[in-house]
Amino acid sequence: MRWFSSRYYRWIALLILVMAPSVFAAEGRILFREDFNGLEGWEEFLFPKIERHTSYTVEADGELRYLKAESNGSASAIVHRDEFNVYEYPVVRWRWKVDNVYRGGDALTKAGDDYPLRIYIMFKFDPEKAGLLERLKYGSARLIYGQYPPHSSINYIWANLEHGEDIITNSYAEQAEMVLLQKGGENVGKWVYEEVNIVEDYRRAFGSDPPAMARIAIMNDSDNTGESSISYVDYIEVLEGG
């Protein structure tokens, strides 16, 4: 009888690890899945007055591909080009990993508002559904940046510290709520699977229903702490609720 090599068994174990969330989780219809074979579906998002930008590249491990995000006193994001309706497709799931957290990172302060990895859900501003003051505020921002900023956002973060809270308002913007999925260094260096319902989380965070349309962004930033980190995303998928 021919025995399979140890390489074969390692590959099968890795394949099961990668496939398990998709195979065994309750399935809804998938709108899209990004496996990071390339970055054609993403566009760079830069912040005013921040000159150093995070590097986003596709890395390979054999036949596997994943996103690598590397920051060094820098900040920028990548945003998926396609909008989606969060009421039709409220579930987002992904697998991520970080090589380190920031010593000076603290979700409760502006100086510590850096994370080795976060998944943004950016909700679209709709002027037809906004009040007068909101239209004036967002209209002014549109004159500066050429487009409306997001109405609001949920940031699913890999927090640097063991905070007691699970949801924290961003130190810079009250329209951004931070959902702390990972806290501290316990799972550093490990692939971690996440699944969230963004409509339910928005209601918990903001106490209201979200705007219907949204886009996904990914960011690794270290401009406030001046530190550096490397992090990874294996895949992201958006699907109906189970």
C-alpha atoms as a PDB file:
ATOM      1  CA  MET A   1       0.000   0.000   0.000  1.00  0.00           C
ATOM      2  CA  ARG A   2       1.396   3.401  -0.960  1.00  0.00           C
ATOM      3  CA  TRP A   3       1.472   6.001   1.821  1.00  0.00           C
ATOM      4  CA  PHE A   4       0.876   9.665   1.043  1.00  0.00           C
ATOM      5  CA  SER A   5       3.677  12.087   1.862  1.00  0.00           C
ATOM      6  CA  SER A   6       3.581  14.407   4.863  1.00  0.00           C
ATOM      7  CA  ARG A   7       3.346  17.313   2.386  1.00  0.00           C
ATOM      8  CA  TYR A   8       0.054  15.832   1.129  1.00  0.00           C
ATOM      9  CA  TYR A   9      -1.435  15.698   4.612  1.00  0.00           C
ATOM     10  CA  ARG A  10      -0.317  19.251   5.390  1.00  0.00           C
ATOM     11  CA  TRP A  11      -2.000  20.438   2.199  1.00  0.00           C
ATOM     12  CA  ILE A  12      -5.250  18.593   3.014  1.00  0.00           C
ATOM     13  CA  ALA A  13      -5.252  20.038   6.551  1.00  0.00           C
ATOM     14  CA  LEU A  14      -4.726  23.557   5.190  1.00  0.00           C
ATOM     15  CA  LEU A  15      -7.440  23.062   2.587  1.00  0.00           C
ATOM     16  CA  ILE A  16      -9.911  21.946   5.251  1.00  0.00           C
ATOM     17  CA  LEU A  17      -9.006  24.974   7.383  1.00  0.00           C
ATOM     18  CA  VAL A  18      -9.610  27.355   4.491  1.00  0.00           C
ATOM     19  CA  MET A  19     -12.782  25.680   3.281  1.00  0.00           C
ATOM     20  CA  ALA A  20     -14.403  24.894   6.611  1.00  0.00           C
ATOM     21  CA  PRO A  21     -16.218  28.226   7.198  1.00  0.00           C
ATOM     22  CA  SER A  22     -17.796  28.163   3.756  1.00  0.00           C
ATOM     23  CA  VAL A  23     -18.695  24.480   3.884  1.00  0.00           C
ATOM     24  CA  PHE A  24     -20.098  24.168   7.364  1.00  0.00           C
ATOM     25  CA  ALA A  25     -21.645  27.607   8.071  1.00  0.00           C
ATOM     26  CA  ALA A  26     -25.297  28.230   7.329  1.00  0.00           C
ATOM     27  CA  GLU A  27     -25.323  29.388   3.725  1.00  0.00           C
ATOM     28  CA  GLY A  28     -27.185  32.243   2.127  1.00  0.00           C
ATOM     29  CA  ARG A  29     -26.805  33.257  -1.501  1.00  0.00           C
ATOM     30  CA  ILE A  30     -23.382  34.822  -2.020  1.00  0.00           C
ATOM     31  CA  LEU A  31     -23.315  38.212  -3.728  1.00  0.00           C
ATOM     32  CA  PHE A  32     -19.557  38.186  -4.202  1.00  0.00           C
ATOM     33  CA  ARG A  33     -16.431  36.581  -2.826  1.00  0.00           C
ATOM     34  CA  GLU A  34     -12.979  38.115  -3.057  1.00  0.00           C
ATOM     35  CA  ASP A  35     -10.113  35.600  -2.963  1.00  0.00           C
ATOM     36  CA  PHE A  36      -7.410  38.177  -3.739  1.00  0.00           C
ATOM     37  CA  ASN A  37      -6.085  36.684  -6.928  1.00  0.00           C
ATOM     38  CA  GLY A  38      -5.569  40.334  -7.860  1.00  0.00           C
ATOM     39  CA  LEU A  39      -6.639  43.827  -6.799  1.00  0.00           C
ATOM     40  CA  GLU A  40      -8.550  44.823  -9.932  1.00  0.00           C
ATOM     41  CA  GLY A  41     -11.799  45.098  -7.958  1.00  0.00           C
ATOM     42  CA  TRP A  42     -10.304  47.576  -5.455  1.00  0.00           C
ATOM     43  CA  GLU A  43      -9.289  51.227  -5.524  1.00  0.00           C
ATOM     44  CA  GLU A  44      -6.922  53.124  -3.267  1.00  0.00           C
ATOM     45  CA  PHE A  45      -8.356  55.503  -0.661  1.00  0.00           C
ATOM     46  CA  LEU A  46      -6.000  58.215   0.597  1.00  0.00           C
ATOM     47  CA  PHE A  47      -6.463  60.588   3.512  1.00  0.00           C
ATOM     48  CA  PRO A  48      -5.739  64.331   3.311  1.00  0.00           C
ATOM     49  CA  LYS A  49      -2.417  65.449   4.844  1.00  0.00           C
ATOM     50  CA  ILE A  50      -1.171  61.866   5.353  1.00  0.00           C
ATOM     51  CA  GLU A  51       1.818  61.461   3.071  1.00  0.00           C
ATOM     52  CA  ARG A  52       2.924  57.919   3.939  1.00  0.00           C
ATOM     53  CA  HIS A  53       0.626  55.237   2.581  1.00  0.00           C
ATOM     54  CA  THR A  54       0.117  51.615   3.529  1.00  0.00           C
ATOM     55  CA  SER A  55       1.202  48.974   1.018  1.00  0.00           C
ATOM     56  CA  TYR A  56      -1.399  46.474  -0.213  1.00  0.00           C
ATOM     57  CA  THR A  57      -0.181  43.534  -2.276  1.00  0.00           C
ATOM     58  CA  VAL A  58      -1.307  40.053  -3.233  1.00  0.00           C
ATOM     59  CA  GLU A  59       0.932  37.337  -1.800  1.00  0.00           C
ATOM     60  CA  ALA A  60       1.094  33.643  -2.673  1.00  0.00           C
ATOM     61  CA  ASP A  61       1.625  30.532  -0.550  1.00  0.00           C
ATOM     62  CA  GLY A  62       1.682  27.730  -3.073  1.00  0.00           C
ATOM     63  CA  GLU A  63      -1.703  27.871  -4.787  1.00  0.00           C
ATOM     64  CA  LEU A  64      -3.220  30.047  -2.071  1.00  0.00           C
ATOM     65  CA  ARG A  65      -3.496  33.816  -2.503  1.00  0.00           C
ATOM     66  CA  TYR A  66      -4.142  36.444   0.154  1.00  0.00           C
ATOM     67  CA  LEU A  67      -3.967  40.192   0.710  1.00  0.00           C
ATOM     68  CA  LYS A  68      -0.916  41.508   2.563  1.00  0.00           C
ATOM     69  CA  ALA A  69      -1.200  44.947   4.212  1.00  0.00           C
ATOM     70  CA  GLU A  70       1.988  46.545   5.491  1.00  0.00           C
ATOM     71  CA  SER A  71       2.158  49.883   7.290  1.00  0.00           C
ATOM     72  CA  ASN A  72       5.065  51.878   8.695  1.00  0.00           C
ATOM     73  CA  GLY A  73       3.922  55.124  10.275  1.00  0.00           C
ATOM     74  CA  SER A  74       1.411  55.256   7.431  1.00  0.00           C
ATOM     75  CA  ALA A  75      -2.288  55.174   6.622  1.00  0.00           C
ATOM     76  CA  SER A  76      -4.408  54.478   3.562  1.00  0.00           C
ATOM     77  CA  ALA A  77      -7.097  51.996   2.617  1.00  0.00           C
ATOM     78  CA  ILE A  78      -8.393  50.020  -0.322  1.00  0.00           C
ATOM     79  CA  VAL A  79     -12.102  50.153  -1.166  1.00  0.00           C
ATOM     80  CA  HIS A  80     -14.090  47.625  -3.141  1.00  0.00           C
ATOM     81  CA  ARG A  81     -15.519  49.195  -6.269  1.00  0.00           C
ATOM     82  CA  ASP A  82     -18.995  47.645  -5.992  1.00  0.00           C
ATOM     83  CA  GLU A  83     -21.820  48.864  -3.774  1.00  0.00           C
ATOM     84  CA  PHE A  84     -24.292  46.414  -2.272  1.00  0.00           C
ATOM     85  CA  ASN A  85     -27.637  46.567  -0.480  1.00  0.00           C
ATOM     86  CA  VAL A  86     -27.092  45.701   3.176  1.00  0.00           C
ATOM     87  CA  TYR A  87     -30.700  44.666   3.721  1.00  0.00           C
ATOM     88  CA  GLU A  88     -30.520  42.108   0.930  1.00  0.00           C
ATOM     89  CA  TYR A  89     -26.987  41.004   1.835  1.00  0.00           C
ATOM     90  CA  PRO A  90     -26.330  41.730   5.518  1.00  0.00           C
ATOM     91  CA  VAL A  91     -23.749  39.018   6.249  1.00  0.00           C
ATOM     92  CA  VAL A  92     -20.034  39.569   5.719  1.00  0.00           C
ATOM     93  CA  ARG A  93     -17.382  37.041   6.589  1.00  0.00           C
ATOM     94  CA  TRP A  94     -13.653  36.796   6.193  1.00  0.00           C
ATOM     95  CA  ARG A  95     -10.445  35.279   7.517  1.00  0.00           C
ATOM     96  CA  TRP A  96      -7.667  37.544   8.788  1.00  0.00           C
ATOM     97  CA  LYS A  97      -4.330  37.449  10.570  1.00  0.00           C
ATOM     98  CA  VAL A  98      -1.964  40.005  12.107  1.00  0.00           C
ATOM     99  CA  ASP A  99       1.729  39.623  12.864  1.00  0.00           C
ATOM    100  CA  ASN A 100       1.602  42.106  15.743  1.00  0.00           C
ATOM    101  CA  VAL A 101      -0.480  44.722  17.536  1.00  0.00           C
ATOM    102  CA  TYR A 102       0.680  48.255  18.437  1.00  0.00           C
ATOM    103  CA  ARG A 103       2.276  49.008  21.803  1.00  0.00           C
ATOM    104  CA  GLY A 104       0.841  52.540  21.718  1.00  0.00           C
ATOM    105  CA  GLY A 105      -2.512  51.555  20.215  1.00  0.00           C
ATOM    106  CA  ASP A 106      -5.622  52.484  22.199  1.00  0.00           C
ATOM    107  CA  ALA A 107      -9.121  52.623  20.707  1.00  0.00           C
ATOM    108  CA  LEU A 108     -10.183  55.195  23.310  1.00  0.00           C
ATOM    109  CA  THR A 109      -7.713  57.906  22.265  1.00  0.00           C
ATOM    110  CA  LYS A 110      -6.812  59.817  19.105  1.00  0.00           C
ATOM    111  CA  ALA A 111      -3.107  59.150  19.664  1.00  0.00           C
ATOM    112  CA  GLY A 112      -3.809  55.419  19.787  1.00  0.00           C
ATOM    113  CA  ASP A 113      -6.344  55.235  16.943  1.00  0.00           C
ATOM    114  CA  ASP A 114      -4.301  52.783  14.829  1.00  0.00           C
ATOM    115  CA  TYR A 115      -5.046  49.136  14.106  1.00  0.00           C
ATOM    116  CA  PRO A 116      -3.039  46.453  12.327  1.00  0.00           C
ATOM    117  CA  LEU A 117      -6.204  45.529  10.481  1.00  0.00           C
ATOM    118  CA  ARG A 118      -9.777  46.671  10.130  1.00  0.00           C
ATOM    119  CA  ILE A 119     -12.654  45.888   7.796  1.00  0.00           C
ATOM    120  CA  TYR A 120     -14.727  48.984   7.060  1.00  0.00           C
ATOM    121  CA  ILE A 121     -18.370  48.991   6.053  1.00  0.00           C
ATOM    122  CA  MET A 122     -18.942  52.473   4.596  1.00  0.00           C
ATOM    123  CA  PHE A 123     -22.592  53.474   4.245  1.00  0.00           C
ATOM    124  CA  LYS A 124     -23.538  55.765   1.378  1.00  0.00           C
ATOM    125  CA  PHE A 125     -24.868  59.254   2.021  1.00  0.00           C
ATOM    126  CA  ASP A 126     -28.175  59.882   0.240  1.00  0.00           C
ATOM    127  CA  PRO A 127     -28.953  63.637   0.007  1.00  0.00           C
ATOM    128  CA  GLU A 128     -32.599  62.914  -0.861  1.00  0.00           C
ATOM    129  CA  LYS A 129     -33.080  61.290   2.542  1.00  0.00           C
ATOM    130  CA  ALA A 130     -31.070  63.836   4.538  1.00  0.00           C
ATOM    131  CA  GLY A 131     -32.234  66.860   6.467  1.00  0.00           C
ATOM    132  CA  LEU A 132     -31.184  70.402   5.609  1.00  0.00           C
ATOM    133  CA  LEU A 133     -28.236  70.563   8.040  1.00  0.00           C
ATOM    134  CA  GLU A 134     -26.920  67.198   6.858  1.00  0.00           C
ATOM    135  CA  ARG A 135     -27.169  68.261   3.211  1.00  0.00           C
ATOM    136  CA  LEU A 136     -25.220  71.443   3.968  1.00  0.00           C
ATOM    137  CA  LYS A 137     -22.553  69.572   5.949  1.00  0.00           C
ATOM    138  CA  TYR A 138     -22.037  66.810   3.398  1.00  0.00           C
ATOM    139  CA  GLY A 139     -22.359  69.257   0.511  1.00  0.00           C
ATOM    140  CA  SER A 140     -19.445  71.275   1.905  1.00  0.00           C
ATOM    141  CA  ALA A 141     -17.338  68.125   2.136  1.00  0.00           C
ATOM    142  CA  ARG A 142     -18.243  67.269  -1.443  1.00  0.00           C
ATOM    143  CA  LEU A 143     -16.906  70.637  -2.614  1.00  0.00           C
ATOM    144  CA  ILE A 144     -13.566  69.863  -0.949  1.00  0.00           C
ATOM    145  CA  TYR A 145     -13.144  66.200  -1.889  1.00  0.00           C
ATOM    146  CA  GLY A 146     -15.161  65.966  -5.095  1.00  0.00           C
ATOM    147  CA  GLN A 147     -17.628  63.438  -3.718  1.00  0.00           C
ATOM    148  CA  TYR A 148     -19.805  62.869  -0.683  1.00  0.00           C
ATOM    149  CA  PRO A 149     -18.058  61.236   2.276  1.00  0.00           C
ATOM    150  CA  PRO A 150     -19.741  58.146   3.749  1.00  0.00           C
ATOM    151  CA  HIS A 151     -22.877  58.804   5.747  1.00  0.00           C
ATOM    152  CA  SER A 152     -21.440  56.605   8.523  1.00  0.00           C
ATOM    153  CA  SER A 153     -19.309  53.536   8.959  1.00  0.00           C
ATOM    154  CA  ILE A 154     -18.783  50.449  11.041  1.00  0.00           C
ATOM    155  CA  ASN A 155     -15.152  49.516  11.625  1.00  0.00           C
ATOM    156  CA  TYR A 156     -14.562  45.892  12.512  1.00  0.00           C
ATOM    157  CA  ILE A 157     -11.185  46.164  14.185  1.00  0.00           C
ATOM    158  CA  TRP A 158      -8.380  44.058  15.536  1.00  0.00           C
ATOM    159  CA  ALA A 159      -7.921  46.131  18.699  1.00  0.00           C
ATOM    160  CA  ASN A 160      -4.529  46.461  20.351  1.00  0.00           C
ATOM    161  CA  LEU A 161      -5.789  46.234  23.931  1.00  0.00           C
ATOM    162  CA  GLU A 162      -8.233  44.215  26.009  1.00  0.00           C
ATOM    163  CA  HIS A 163     -11.005  46.821  26.225  1.00  0.00           C
ATOM    164  CA  GLY A 164     -14.103  45.968  28.232  1.00  0.00           C
ATOM    165  CA  GLU A 165     -16.388  47.421  25.583  1.00  0.00           C
ATOM    166  CA  ASP A 166     -17.303  45.633  22.360  1.00  0.00           C
ATOM    167  CA  ILE A 167     -18.388  48.833  20.550  1.00  0.00           C
ATOM    168  CA  ILE A 168     -16.528  52.154  20.823  1.00  0.00           C
ATOM    169  CA  THR A 169     -17.213  55.440  19.039  1.00  0.00           C
ATOM    170  CA  ASN A 170     -14.201  56.506  16.997  1.00  0.00           C
ATOM    171  CA  SER A 171     -12.120  59.238  18.636  1.00  0.00           C
ATOM    172  CA  TYR A 172     -12.044  61.299  15.430  1.00  0.00           C
ATOM    173  CA  ALA A 173     -15.565  60.853  14.048  1.00  0.00           C
ATOM    174  CA  GLU A 174     -18.852  60.226  15.821  1.00  0.00           C
ATOM    175  CA  GLN A 175     -20.244  58.817  12.565  1.00  0.00           C
ATOM    176  CA  ALA A 176     -17.778  55.912  12.838  1.00  0.00           C
ATOM    177  CA  GLU A 177     -18.404  53.120  15.315  1.00  0.00           C
ATOM    178  CA  MET A 178     -15.738  50.536  16.129  1.00  0.00           C
ATOM    179  CA  VAL A 179     -16.753  46.912  16.699  1.00  0.00           C
ATOM    180  CA  LEU A 180     -13.956  45.126  18.539  1.00  0.00           C
ATOM    181  CA  LEU A 181     -13.824  41.598  17.153  1.00  0.00           C
ATOM    182  CA  GLN A 182     -10.306  40.811  18.347  1.00  0.00           C
ATOM    183  CA  LYS A 183      -8.657  42.342  21.401  1.00  0.00           C
ATOM    184  CA  GLY A 184      -4.972  42.312  22.164  1.00  0.00           C
ATOM    185  CA  GLY A 185      -2.312  39.804  21.220  1.00  0.00           C
ATOM    186  CA  GLU A 186      -3.875  36.460  22.120  1.00  0.00           C
ATOM    187  CA  ASN A 187      -4.499  35.468  18.493  1.00  0.00           C
ATOM    188  CA  VAL A 188      -1.540  37.256  16.908  1.00  0.00           C
ATOM    189  CA  GLY A 189      -0.011  35.075  14.203  1.00  0.00           C
ATOM    190  CA  LYS A 190      -3.151  32.948  13.824  1.00  0.00           C
ATOM    191  CA  TRP A 191      -5.724  32.896  11.039  1.00  0.00           C
ATOM    192  CA  VAL A 192      -9.074  33.886  12.592  1.00  0.00           C
ATOM    193  CA  TYR A 193     -12.474  33.435  10.947  1.00  0.00           C
ATOM    194  CA  GLU A 194     -15.105  36.160  11.404  1.00  0.00           C
ATOM    195  CA  GLU A 195     -18.781  36.402  10.459  1.00  0.00           C
ATOM    196  CA  VAL A 196     -20.891  39.507  11.140  1.00  0.00           C
ATOM    197  CA  ASN A 197     -24.367  40.824  10.400  1.00  0.00           C
ATOM    198  CA  ILE A 198     -23.807  44.466   9.536  1.00  0.00           C
ATOM    199  CA  VAL A 199     -27.466  45.534   9.858  1.00  0.00           C
ATOM    200  CA  GLU A 200     -27.716  44.123  13.374  1.00  0.00           C
ATOM    201  CA  ASP A 201     -24.364  45.618  14.351  1.00  0.00           C
ATOM    202  CA  TYR A 202     -25.316  49.027  12.948  1.00  0.00           C
ATOM    203  CA  ARG A 203     -28.508  49.036  15.006  1.00  0.00           C
ATOM    204  CA  ARG A 204     -26.548  48.125  18.139  1.00  0.00           C
ATOM    205  CA  ALA A 205     -23.930  50.774  17.469  1.00  0.00           C
ATOM    206  CA  PHE A 206     -26.056  53.692  16.250  1.00  0.00           C
ATOM    207  CA  GLY A 207     -29.509  52.855  17.589  1.00  0.00           C
ATOM    208  CA  SER A 208     -31.068  53.268  14.132  1.00  0.00           C
ATOM    209  CA  ASP A 209     -31.354  51.536  10.770  1.00  0.00           C
ATOM    210  CA  PRO A 210     -28.423  51.932   8.365  1.00  0.00           C
ATOM    211  CA  PRO A 211     -28.579  53.499   4.914  1.00  0.00           C
ATOM    212  CA  ALA A 212     -29.285  50.815   2.336  1.00  0.00           C
ATOM    213  CA  MET A 213     -26.138  50.986   0.199  1.00  0.00           C
ATOM    214  CA  ALA A 214     -22.591  50.341   1.356  1.00  0.00           C
ATOM    215  CA  ARG A 215     -19.073  49.457   0.243  1.00  0.00           C
ATOM    216  CA  ILE A 216     -16.305  47.457   1.904  1.00  0.00           C
ATOM    217  CA  ALA A 217     -12.856  48.813   2.683  1.00  0.00           C
ATOM    218  CA  ILE A 218      -9.733  47.350   4.276  1.00  0.00           C
ATOM    219  CA  MET A 219      -7.133  49.291   6.229  1.00  0.00           C
ATOM    220  CA  ASN A 220      -3.925  48.827   8.167  1.00  0.00           C
ATOM    221  CA  ASP A 221      -2.853  52.149   9.689  1.00  0.00           C
ATOM    222  CA  SER A 222      -0.064  53.309  12.003  1.00  0.00           C
ATOM    223  CA  ASP A 223       0.178  57.062  11.374  1.00  0.00           C
ATOM    224  CA  ASN A 224      -0.764  58.057  14.933  1.00  0.00           C
ATOM    225  CA  THR A 225       1.467  55.635  16.820  1.00  0.00           C
ATOM    226  CA  GLY A 226       4.334  55.781  14.310  1.00  0.00           C
ATOM    227  CA  GLU A 227       4.727  52.009  14.617  1.00  0.00           C
ATOM    228  CA  SER A 228       4.582  49.320  11.933  1.00  0.00           C
ATOM    229  CA  SER A 229       2.713  46.094  11.275  1.00  0.00           C
ATOM    230  CA  ILE A 230       1.982  43.433   8.690  1.00  0.00           C
ATOM    231  CA  SER A 231      -1.442  41.840   8.379  1.00  0.00           C
ATOM    232  CA  TYR A 232      -3.335  39.584   6.000  1.00  0.00           C
ATOM    233  CA  VAL A 233      -6.818  38.859   4.652  1.00  0.00           C
ATOM    234  CA  ASP A 234      -7.432  35.450   3.107  1.00  0.00           C
ATOM    235  CA  TYR A 235     -10.863  36.200   1.612  1.00  0.00           C
ATOM    236  CA  ILE A 236     -14.000  38.299   2.075  1.00  0.00           C
ATOM    237  CA  GLU A 237     -17.514  37.368   1.036  1.00  0.00           C
ATOM    238  CA  VAL A 238     -20.882  39.134   1.202  1.00  0.00           C
ATOM    239  CA  LEU A 239     -24.053  37.051   1.351  1.00  0.00           C
ATOM    240  CA  GLU A 240     -27.678  36.826   2.375  1.00  0.00           C
ATOM    241  CA  GLY A 241     -28.585  36.179   5.985  1.00  0.00           C
ATOM    242  CA  GLY A 242     -28.839  32.515   6.941  1.00  0.00           C
END
